[in-house]
Amino acid sequence: MQAYQFEQYVSPLHPVSVALPANAPAGSAKIIVLFPDPVATPETPKPRFANMAEFHAWLMTQPPTGRSVKEIDQQIREERDSWN
């Protein structure tokens, strides 16, 4: 028997999708999902902002970065280019 182990976040909607390695055999398989013991699970963090208006109000209190739109766009392009 072969086993593959993956860490995956389970969202509130509960879908799980796993891509197996190319050398995984085709055919019947058993899927086992293991969750940590409830006692050891940290409390789910609460959202920091109740809505977008709250987030926007907080955002407006943050100091500017001093970067221009052109500099920010360049950094985004560099980050996207690094994905390839």
C-alpha atoms as a PDB file:
ATOM      1  CA  MET A   1       0.000   0.000   0.000  1.00  0.00           C
ATOM      2  CA  GLN A   2       1.244   3.503  -0.851  1.00  0.00           C
ATOM      3  CA  ALA A   3       0.331   6.631   1.082  1.00  0.00           C
ATOM      4  CA  TYR A   4       0.519  10.312   0.177  1.00  0.00           C
ATOM      5  CA  GLN A   5       0.133  12.986   2.818  1.00  0.00           C
ATOM      6  CA  PHE A   6      -1.085  16.529   2.090  1.00  0.00           C
ATOM      7  CA  GLU A   7      -1.888  19.504   4.287  1.00  0.00           C
ATOM      8  CA  GLN A   8      -5.064  21.248   3.153  1.00  0.00           C
ATOM      9  CA  TYR A   9      -7.276  24.001   4.569  1.00  0.00           C
ATOM     10  CA  VAL A  10     -10.926  22.989   4.812  1.00  0.00           C
ATOM     11  CA  SER A  11     -13.117  26.033   4.124  1.00  0.00           C
ATOM     12  CA  PRO A  12     -16.600  26.466   5.616  1.00  0.00           C
ATOM     13  CA  LEU A  13     -18.028  25.110   2.328  1.00  0.00           C
ATOM     14  CA  HIS A  14     -15.991  21.889   2.864  1.00  0.00           C
ATOM     15  CA  PRO A  15     -14.752  21.103  -0.672  1.00  0.00           C
ATOM     16  CA  VAL A  16     -11.388  19.361  -0.842  1.00  0.00           C
ATOM     17  CA  SER A  17      -9.371  18.869  -4.014  1.00  0.00           C
ATOM     18  CA  VAL A  18      -5.983  17.163  -4.145  1.00  0.00           C
ATOM     19  CA  ALA A  19      -3.729  16.654  -7.158  1.00  0.00           C
ATOM     20  CA  LEU A  20      -1.800  13.411  -6.746  1.00  0.00           C
ATOM     21  CA  PRO A  21       1.761  12.982  -8.016  1.00  0.00           C
ATOM     22  CA  ALA A  22       2.132  11.702 -11.590  1.00  0.00           C
ATOM     23  CA  ASN A  23       3.447   8.355 -10.334  1.00  0.00           C
ATOM     24  CA  ALA A  24       0.337   7.666  -8.197  1.00  0.00           C
ATOM     25  CA  PRO A  25      -1.358   4.485  -9.405  1.00  0.00           C
ATOM     26  CA  ALA A  26      -4.767   4.687 -11.089  1.00  0.00           C
ATOM     27  CA  GLY A  27      -7.653   2.704  -9.645  1.00  0.00           C
ATOM     28  CA  SER A  28      -9.522   2.372  -6.402  1.00  0.00           C
ATOM     29  CA  ALA A  29      -8.224   4.360  -3.416  1.00  0.00           C
ATOM     30  CA  LYS A  30      -9.255   4.954   0.172  1.00  0.00           C
ATOM     31  CA  ILE A  31      -9.411   8.559   1.357  1.00  0.00           C
ATOM     32  CA  ILE A  32      -8.808   9.308   5.038  1.00  0.00           C
ATOM     33  CA  VAL A  33      -9.265  12.788   6.499  1.00  0.00           C
ATOM     34  CA  LEU A  34      -7.633  13.460   9.867  1.00  0.00           C
ATOM     35  CA  PHE A  35      -8.461  16.546  11.918  1.00  0.00           C
ATOM     36  CA  PRO A  36      -6.598  17.672  15.031  1.00  0.00           C
ATOM     37  CA  ASP A  37      -8.273  16.956  18.358  1.00  0.00           C
ATOM     38  CA  PRO A  38     -10.766  19.725  19.167  1.00  0.00           C
ATOM     39  CA  VAL A  39      -8.933  20.489  22.405  1.00  0.00           C
ATOM     40  CA  ALA A  40      -5.691  21.178  20.508  1.00  0.00           C
ATOM     41  CA  THR A  41      -7.346  23.296  17.802  1.00  0.00           C
ATOM     42  CA  PRO A  42      -6.814  27.019  18.321  1.00  0.00           C
ATOM     43  CA  GLU A  43      -9.920  29.189  18.319  1.00  0.00           C
ATOM     44  CA  THR A  44     -10.960  30.280  14.844  1.00  0.00           C
ATOM     45  CA  PRO A  45      -9.865  33.896  14.448  1.00  0.00           C
ATOM     46  CA  LYS A  46     -12.720  36.333  14.159  1.00  0.00           C
ATOM     47  CA  PRO A  47     -12.762  38.705  11.208  1.00  0.00           C
ATOM     48  CA  ARG A  48     -11.028  41.939  12.038  1.00  0.00           C
ATOM     49  CA  PHE A  49     -13.647  43.996  10.205  1.00  0.00           C
ATOM     50  CA  ALA A  50     -17.388  43.423  10.197  1.00  0.00           C
ATOM     51  CA  ASN A  51     -17.808  44.913   6.723  1.00  0.00           C
ATOM     52  CA  MET A  52     -16.058  46.841   3.956  1.00  0.00           C
ATOM     53  CA  ALA A  53     -17.050  50.211   5.434  1.00  0.00           C
ATOM     54  CA  GLU A  54     -15.202  49.313   8.635  1.00  0.00           C
ATOM     55  CA  PHE A  55     -12.171  48.175   6.644  1.00  0.00           C
ATOM     56  CA  HIS A  56     -12.202  51.366   4.556  1.00  0.00           C
ATOM     57  CA  ALA A  57     -12.406  53.542   7.679  1.00  0.00           C
ATOM     58  CA  TRP A  58      -9.366  51.717   9.102  1.00  0.00           C
ATOM     59  CA  LEU A  59      -7.502  51.936   5.780  1.00  0.00           C
ATOM     60  CA  MET A  60      -7.921  55.709   5.681  1.00  0.00           C
ATOM     61  CA  THR A  61      -6.103  55.964   9.037  1.00  0.00           C
ATOM     62  CA  GLN A  62      -2.979  54.206   7.700  1.00  0.00           C
ATOM     63  CA  PRO A  63       0.021  56.331   6.714  1.00  0.00           C
ATOM     64  CA  PRO A  64       0.877  56.476   3.005  1.00  0.00           C
ATOM     65  CA  THR A  65       3.742  54.316   1.779  1.00  0.00           C
ATOM     66  CA  GLY A  66       5.347  57.105  -0.217  1.00  0.00           C
ATOM     67  CA  ARG A  67       5.405  54.947  -3.352  1.00  0.00           C
ATOM     68  CA  SER A  68       3.918  56.189  -6.594  1.00  0.00           C
ATOM     69  CA  VAL A  69       1.271  54.330  -8.599  1.00  0.00           C
ATOM     70  CA  LYS A  70       3.991  53.607 -11.169  1.00  0.00           C
ATOM     71  CA  GLU A  71       6.259  52.041  -8.507  1.00  0.00           C
ATOM     72  CA  ILE A  72       3.425  49.911  -7.125  1.00  0.00           C
ATOM     73  CA  ASP A  73       2.437  48.728 -10.616  1.00  0.00           C
ATOM     74  CA  GLN A  74       6.074  47.824 -11.316  1.00  0.00           C
ATOM     75  CA  GLN A  75       6.269  45.761  -8.120  1.00  0.00           C
ATOM     76  CA  ILE A  76       3.045  43.940  -9.063  1.00  0.00           C
ATOM     77  CA  ARG A  77       4.421  43.200 -12.563  1.00  0.00           C
ATOM     78  CA  GLU A  78       7.673  41.857 -11.067  1.00  0.00           C
ATOM     79  CA  GLU A  79       5.741  39.642  -8.652  1.00  0.00           C
ATOM     80  CA  ARG A  80       3.511  38.275 -11.421  1.00  0.00           C
ATOM     81  CA  ASP A  81       6.523  37.650 -13.665  1.00  0.00           C
ATOM     82  CA  SER A  82       8.151  35.620 -10.888  1.00  0.00           C
ATOM     83  CA  TRP A  83       5.202  33.185 -10.938  1.00  0.00           C
ATOM     84  CA  ASN A  84       6.220  31.750 -14.301  1.00  0.00           C
END
